[in-house]
């Protein structure tokens, strides 16, 4: 397993503090799925809800207490459920 270095973590956190795409979100025209776990201790769930609200037609997939309160690595917590949700999302948008 590859471990992140302190310098890499610091750079990632610095990037999170500077990056802001808010002004461009209304222009997103492709199908969008925002997936977030309520148990995420890194990024607050409110950020996902805000993102989904700002992207036209975006669907918000919440991993809440009923899904084991998935955290930041939701794809590791619920891989089978996630694949099923992604499959449904893509099938509905497949033209």
N, C-alpha and C. Protein backbone atom coordinates (compact mmCIF):
# COMPACT_ATOMS: atom_id res chain seq x y z
N UNK A 1 0.84 -1.17 0.00
CA UNK A 1 0.00 0.00 0.00
C UNK A 1 0.90 1.25 0.00
N UNK A 2 0.53 2.20 -0.80
CA UNK A 2 1.27 3.46 -0.87
C UNK A 2 0.71 4.40 0.19
N UNK A 3 1.58 4.94 0.99
CA UNK A 3 1.18 5.91 2.02
C UNK A 3 1.43 7.32 1.50
N UNK A 4 0.55 8.23 1.85
CA UNK A 4 0.78 9.61 1.43
C UNK A 4 1.82 10.24 2.36
N UNK A 5 2.60 11.09 1.79
CA UNK A 5 3.63 11.77 2.57
C UNK A 5 3.04 13.01 3.23
N UNK A 6 3.67 13.50 4.28
CA UNK A 6 3.19 14.75 4.88
C UNK A 6 3.19 15.90 3.87
N UNK A 7 4.19 15.94 3.00
CA UNK A 7 4.24 17.01 1.99
C UNK A 7 3.08 16.87 0.99
N UNK A 8 2.77 15.64 0.61
CA UNK A 8 1.66 15.41 -0.31
C UNK A 8 0.33 15.79 0.31
N UNK A 9 0.12 15.44 1.57
CA UNK A 9 -1.11 15.80 2.26
C UNK A 9 -1.24 17.32 2.39
N UNK A 10 -0.14 17.98 2.73
CA UNK A 10 -0.15 19.44 2.85
C UNK A 10 -0.51 20.09 1.51
N UNK A 11 0.06 19.59 0.42
CA UNK A 11 -0.23 20.14 -0.90
C UNK A 11 -1.70 19.93 -1.27
N UNK A 12 -2.24 18.76 -0.93
CA UNK A 12 -3.64 18.47 -1.23
C UNK A 12 -4.56 19.41 -0.45
N UNK A 13 -4.28 19.60 0.81
CA UNK A 13 -5.10 20.49 1.63
C UNK A 13 -4.99 21.94 1.16
N UNK A 14 -3.81 22.35 0.75
CA UNK A 14 -3.64 23.71 0.20
C UNK A 14 -4.46 23.88 -1.08
N UNK A 15 -4.47 22.87 -1.93
CA UNK A 15 -5.25 22.95 -3.17
C UNK A 15 -6.74 23.04 -2.86
N UNK A 16 -7.21 22.29 -1.89
CA UNK A 16 -8.62 22.35 -1.51
C UNK A 16 -9.00 23.76 -1.05
N UNK A 17 -8.09 24.42 -0.37
CA UNK A 17 -8.36 25.75 0.14
C UNK A 17 -8.40 26.83 -0.94
N UNK A 18 -7.77 26.58 -2.06
CA UNK A 18 -7.69 27.59 -3.13
C UNK A 18 -8.65 27.33 -4.29
N UNK A 19 -9.02 26.09 -4.53
CA UNK A 19 -9.82 25.74 -5.69
C UNK A 19 -11.28 26.14 -5.49
N UNK A 20 -11.85 26.80 -6.47
CA UNK A 20 -13.26 27.20 -6.40
C UNK A 20 -13.85 27.20 -7.80
N UNK A 21 -14.75 26.27 -8.05
CA UNK A 21 -15.38 26.15 -9.37
C UNK A 21 -16.81 26.68 -9.38
N UNK A 22 -17.24 27.26 -8.29
CA UNK A 22 -18.64 27.67 -8.14
C UNK A 22 -19.17 28.46 -9.32
N UNK A 23 -18.41 29.42 -9.81
CA UNK A 23 -18.92 30.28 -10.88
C UNK A 23 -19.11 29.54 -12.20
N UNK A 24 -18.58 28.35 -12.34
CA UNK A 24 -18.71 27.59 -13.58
C UNK A 24 -19.77 26.49 -13.52
N UNK A 25 -20.29 26.21 -12.34
CA UNK A 25 -21.18 25.07 -12.17
C UNK A 25 -22.49 25.18 -12.95
N UNK A 26 -23.03 26.37 -13.08
CA UNK A 26 -24.29 26.55 -13.80
C UNK A 26 -24.15 26.23 -15.28
N UNK A 27 -22.93 26.20 -15.79
CA UNK A 27 -22.70 25.91 -17.21
C UNK A 27 -22.54 24.42 -17.49
N UNK A 28 -22.52 23.60 -16.47
CA UNK A 28 -22.37 22.15 -16.68
C UNK A 28 -23.63 21.65 -17.38
N UNK A 29 -23.45 20.98 -18.51
CA UNK A 29 -24.61 20.55 -19.29
C UNK A 29 -24.69 19.03 -19.46
N UNK A 30 -23.78 18.30 -18.86
CA UNK A 30 -23.81 16.85 -18.97
C UNK A 30 -24.49 16.25 -17.74
N UNK A 31 -25.00 15.04 -17.85
CA UNK A 31 -25.59 14.40 -16.67
C UNK A 31 -24.54 14.33 -15.55
N UNK A 32 -24.97 14.68 -14.36
CA UNK A 32 -24.03 14.75 -13.24
C UNK A 32 -24.59 14.02 -12.03
N UNK A 33 -23.73 13.27 -11.38
CA UNK A 33 -24.08 12.54 -10.17
C UNK A 33 -23.09 12.94 -9.10
N UNK A 34 -23.61 13.46 -8.00
CA UNK A 34 -22.78 13.82 -6.86
C UNK A 34 -23.01 12.74 -5.81
N UNK A 35 -21.95 12.07 -5.39
CA UNK A 35 -22.05 10.98 -4.43
C UNK A 35 -21.28 11.37 -3.18
N UNK A 36 -21.93 11.23 -2.02
CA UNK A 36 -21.26 11.64 -0.79
C UNK A 36 -21.81 10.87 0.39
N UNK A 37 -20.92 10.52 1.31
CA UNK A 37 -21.31 9.83 2.53
C UNK A 37 -21.51 10.80 3.68
N UNK A 38 -22.58 10.58 4.45
CA UNK A 38 -22.84 11.43 5.61
C UNK A 38 -21.78 11.24 6.69
N UNK A 39 -21.06 10.14 6.64
CA UNK A 39 -20.03 9.88 7.63
C UNK A 39 -18.67 10.42 7.23
N UNK A 40 -18.61 11.24 6.19
CA UNK A 40 -17.35 11.79 5.70
C UNK A 40 -16.80 12.78 6.73
N UNK A 41 -15.64 12.46 7.29
CA UNK A 41 -15.01 13.33 8.26
C UNK A 41 -14.05 14.33 7.63
N UNK A 42 -13.91 14.30 6.30
CA UNK A 42 -12.99 15.19 5.61
C UNK A 42 -13.73 16.34 4.94
N UNK A 43 -14.76 16.01 4.17
CA UNK A 43 -15.55 17.01 3.45
C UNK A 43 -16.98 16.96 4.02
N UNK A 44 -17.49 18.05 4.56
CA UNK A 44 -18.85 18.05 5.12
C UNK A 44 -19.90 17.72 4.05
N UNK A 45 -20.95 17.01 4.47
CA UNK A 45 -22.02 16.65 3.54
C UNK A 45 -22.66 17.90 2.93
N UNK A 46 -22.72 18.96 3.64
CA UNK A 46 -23.33 20.20 3.12
C UNK A 46 -22.65 20.64 1.82
N UNK A 47 -21.37 20.36 1.66
CA UNK A 47 -20.67 20.71 0.43
C UNK A 47 -21.23 19.95 -0.76
N UNK A 48 -21.54 18.67 -0.57
CA UNK A 48 -22.10 17.86 -1.66
C UNK A 48 -23.49 18.35 -2.03
N UNK A 49 -24.29 18.65 -1.03
CA UNK A 49 -25.65 19.16 -1.28
C UNK A 49 -25.59 20.48 -2.03
N UNK A 50 -24.67 21.35 -1.64
CA UNK A 50 -24.51 22.64 -2.31
C UNK A 50 -24.06 22.45 -3.76
N UNK A 51 -23.11 21.56 -3.98
CA UNK A 51 -22.63 21.28 -5.33
C UNK A 51 -23.76 20.77 -6.21
N UNK A 52 -24.51 19.80 -5.72
CA UNK A 52 -25.61 19.23 -6.51
C UNK A 52 -26.67 20.28 -6.83
N UNK A 53 -26.90 21.20 -5.90
CA UNK A 53 -27.90 22.25 -6.12
C UNK A 53 -27.46 23.25 -7.18
N UNK A 54 -26.17 23.39 -7.37
CA UNK A 54 -25.65 24.39 -8.31
C UNK A 54 -25.40 23.85 -9.72
N UNK A 55 -25.43 22.53 -9.88
CA UNK A 55 -25.25 21.92 -11.20
C UNK A 55 -26.64 21.58 -11.74
N UNK A 56 -27.01 22.17 -12.86
CA UNK A 56 -28.36 21.93 -13.40
C UNK A 56 -28.66 20.44 -13.61
N UNK A 57 -29.74 19.99 -13.01
CA UNK A 57 -30.19 18.61 -13.19
C UNK A 57 -29.37 17.56 -12.47
N UNK A 58 -28.43 17.95 -11.62
CA UNK A 58 -27.59 16.98 -10.94
C UNK A 58 -28.41 16.13 -9.98
N UNK A 59 -28.01 14.88 -9.87
CA UNK A 59 -28.62 13.97 -8.91
C UNK A 59 -27.65 13.84 -7.74
N UNK A 60 -28.19 13.90 -6.53
CA UNK A 60 -27.39 13.72 -5.33
C UNK A 60 -27.65 12.34 -4.76
N UNK A 61 -26.63 11.54 -4.68
CA UNK A 61 -26.72 10.21 -4.08
C UNK A 61 -26.08 10.29 -2.71
N UNK A 62 -26.91 10.15 -1.69
CA UNK A 62 -26.44 10.26 -0.31
C UNK A 62 -26.24 8.89 0.30
N UNK A 63 -25.09 8.70 0.91
CA UNK A 63 -24.87 7.49 1.71
C UNK A 63 -25.08 7.91 3.16
N UNK A 64 -26.25 7.59 3.70
CA UNK A 64 -26.59 7.99 5.06
C UNK A 64 -26.46 6.84 6.03
N UNK A 65 -27.11 7.00 7.17
CA UNK A 65 -27.05 5.97 8.21
C UNK A 65 -27.58 4.64 7.72
N UNK A 66 -28.57 4.65 6.84
CA UNK A 66 -29.12 3.41 6.32
C UNK A 66 -28.12 2.68 5.42
N UNK A 67 -27.07 3.37 4.99
CA UNK A 67 -26.04 2.75 4.15
C UNK A 67 -24.75 2.56 4.95
N UNK A 68 -24.88 2.45 6.27
CA UNK A 68 -23.70 2.26 7.09
C UNK A 68 -22.94 3.54 7.33
N UNK A 69 -23.60 4.67 7.02
CA UNK A 69 -23.00 5.98 7.23
C UNK A 69 -21.62 6.06 6.58
N UNK A 70 -21.57 5.75 5.31
CA UNK A 70 -20.30 5.70 4.57
C UNK A 70 -19.53 7.00 4.71
N UNK A 71 -18.24 6.86 4.72
CA UNK A 71 -17.38 8.01 4.94
C UNK A 71 -16.74 8.55 3.68
N UNK A 72 -15.56 9.13 3.83
CA UNK A 72 -14.85 9.77 2.73
C UNK A 72 -14.52 8.79 1.62
N UNK A 73 -14.24 7.55 1.97
CA UNK A 73 -13.94 6.52 0.98
C UNK A 73 -15.16 5.62 0.78
N UNK A 74 -16.28 6.25 0.41
CA UNK A 74 -17.56 5.54 0.29
C UNK A 74 -17.48 4.36 -0.66
N UNK A 75 -16.63 4.44 -1.68
CA UNK A 75 -16.52 3.35 -2.65
C UNK A 75 -15.90 2.11 -2.02
N UNK A 76 -15.17 2.27 -0.95
CA UNK A 76 -14.63 1.12 -0.23
C UNK A 76 -15.64 0.59 0.77
N UNK A 77 -16.46 1.49 1.32
CA UNK A 77 -17.47 1.10 2.31
C UNK A 77 -18.62 0.35 1.67
N UNK A 78 -19.04 0.75 0.48
CA UNK A 78 -20.23 0.19 -0.18
C UNK A 78 -19.98 -0.06 -1.66
N UNK A 79 -18.99 -0.87 -2.03
CA UNK A 79 -18.65 -1.02 -3.45
C UNK A 79 -19.77 -1.63 -4.30
N UNK A 80 -20.45 -2.63 -3.80
CA UNK A 80 -21.50 -3.28 -4.59
C UNK A 80 -22.68 -2.33 -4.78
N UNK A 81 -23.06 -1.66 -3.72
CA UNK A 81 -24.16 -0.70 -3.80
C UNK A 81 -23.82 0.45 -4.75
N UNK A 82 -22.59 0.92 -4.68
CA UNK A 82 -22.17 2.01 -5.55
C UNK A 82 -22.22 1.60 -7.02
N UNK A 83 -21.73 0.43 -7.33
CA UNK A 83 -21.75 -0.04 -8.73
C UNK A 83 -23.19 -0.14 -9.22
N UNK A 84 -24.09 -0.62 -8.39
CA UNK A 84 -25.50 -0.71 -8.78
C UNK A 84 -26.08 0.68 -9.05
N UNK A 85 -25.78 1.64 -8.19
CA UNK A 85 -26.26 3.01 -8.38
C UNK A 85 -25.68 3.63 -9.65
N UNK A 86 -24.39 3.44 -9.87
CA UNK A 86 -23.77 3.97 -11.09
C UNK A 86 -24.37 3.33 -12.34
N UNK A 87 -24.61 2.03 -12.28
CA UNK A 87 -25.21 1.33 -13.41
C UNK A 87 -26.59 1.92 -13.73
N UNK A 88 -27.40 2.14 -12.69
CA UNK A 88 -28.72 2.75 -12.89
C UNK A 88 -28.59 4.15 -13.47
N UNK A 89 -27.68 4.94 -12.95
CA UNK A 89 -27.50 6.31 -13.42
C UNK A 89 -27.12 6.33 -14.89
N UNK A 90 -26.17 5.49 -15.28
CA UNK A 90 -25.72 5.48 -16.68
C UNK A 90 -26.77 4.88 -17.63
N UNK A 91 -27.49 3.88 -17.19
CA UNK A 91 -28.54 3.29 -18.03
C UNK A 91 -29.63 4.31 -18.35
N UNK A 92 -29.97 5.13 -17.38
CA UNK A 92 -31.01 6.14 -17.59
C UNK A 92 -30.56 7.24 -18.56
N UNK A 93 -29.27 7.39 -18.70
CA UNK A 93 -28.73 8.46 -19.54
C UNK A 93 -28.11 7.95 -20.82
N UNK A 94 -28.16 6.65 -21.04
CA UNK A 94 -27.57 6.06 -22.24
C UNK A 94 -28.47 6.31 -23.43
N UNK A 95 -27.94 6.96 -24.44
CA UNK A 95 -28.72 7.26 -25.66
C UNK A 95 -28.19 6.48 -26.83
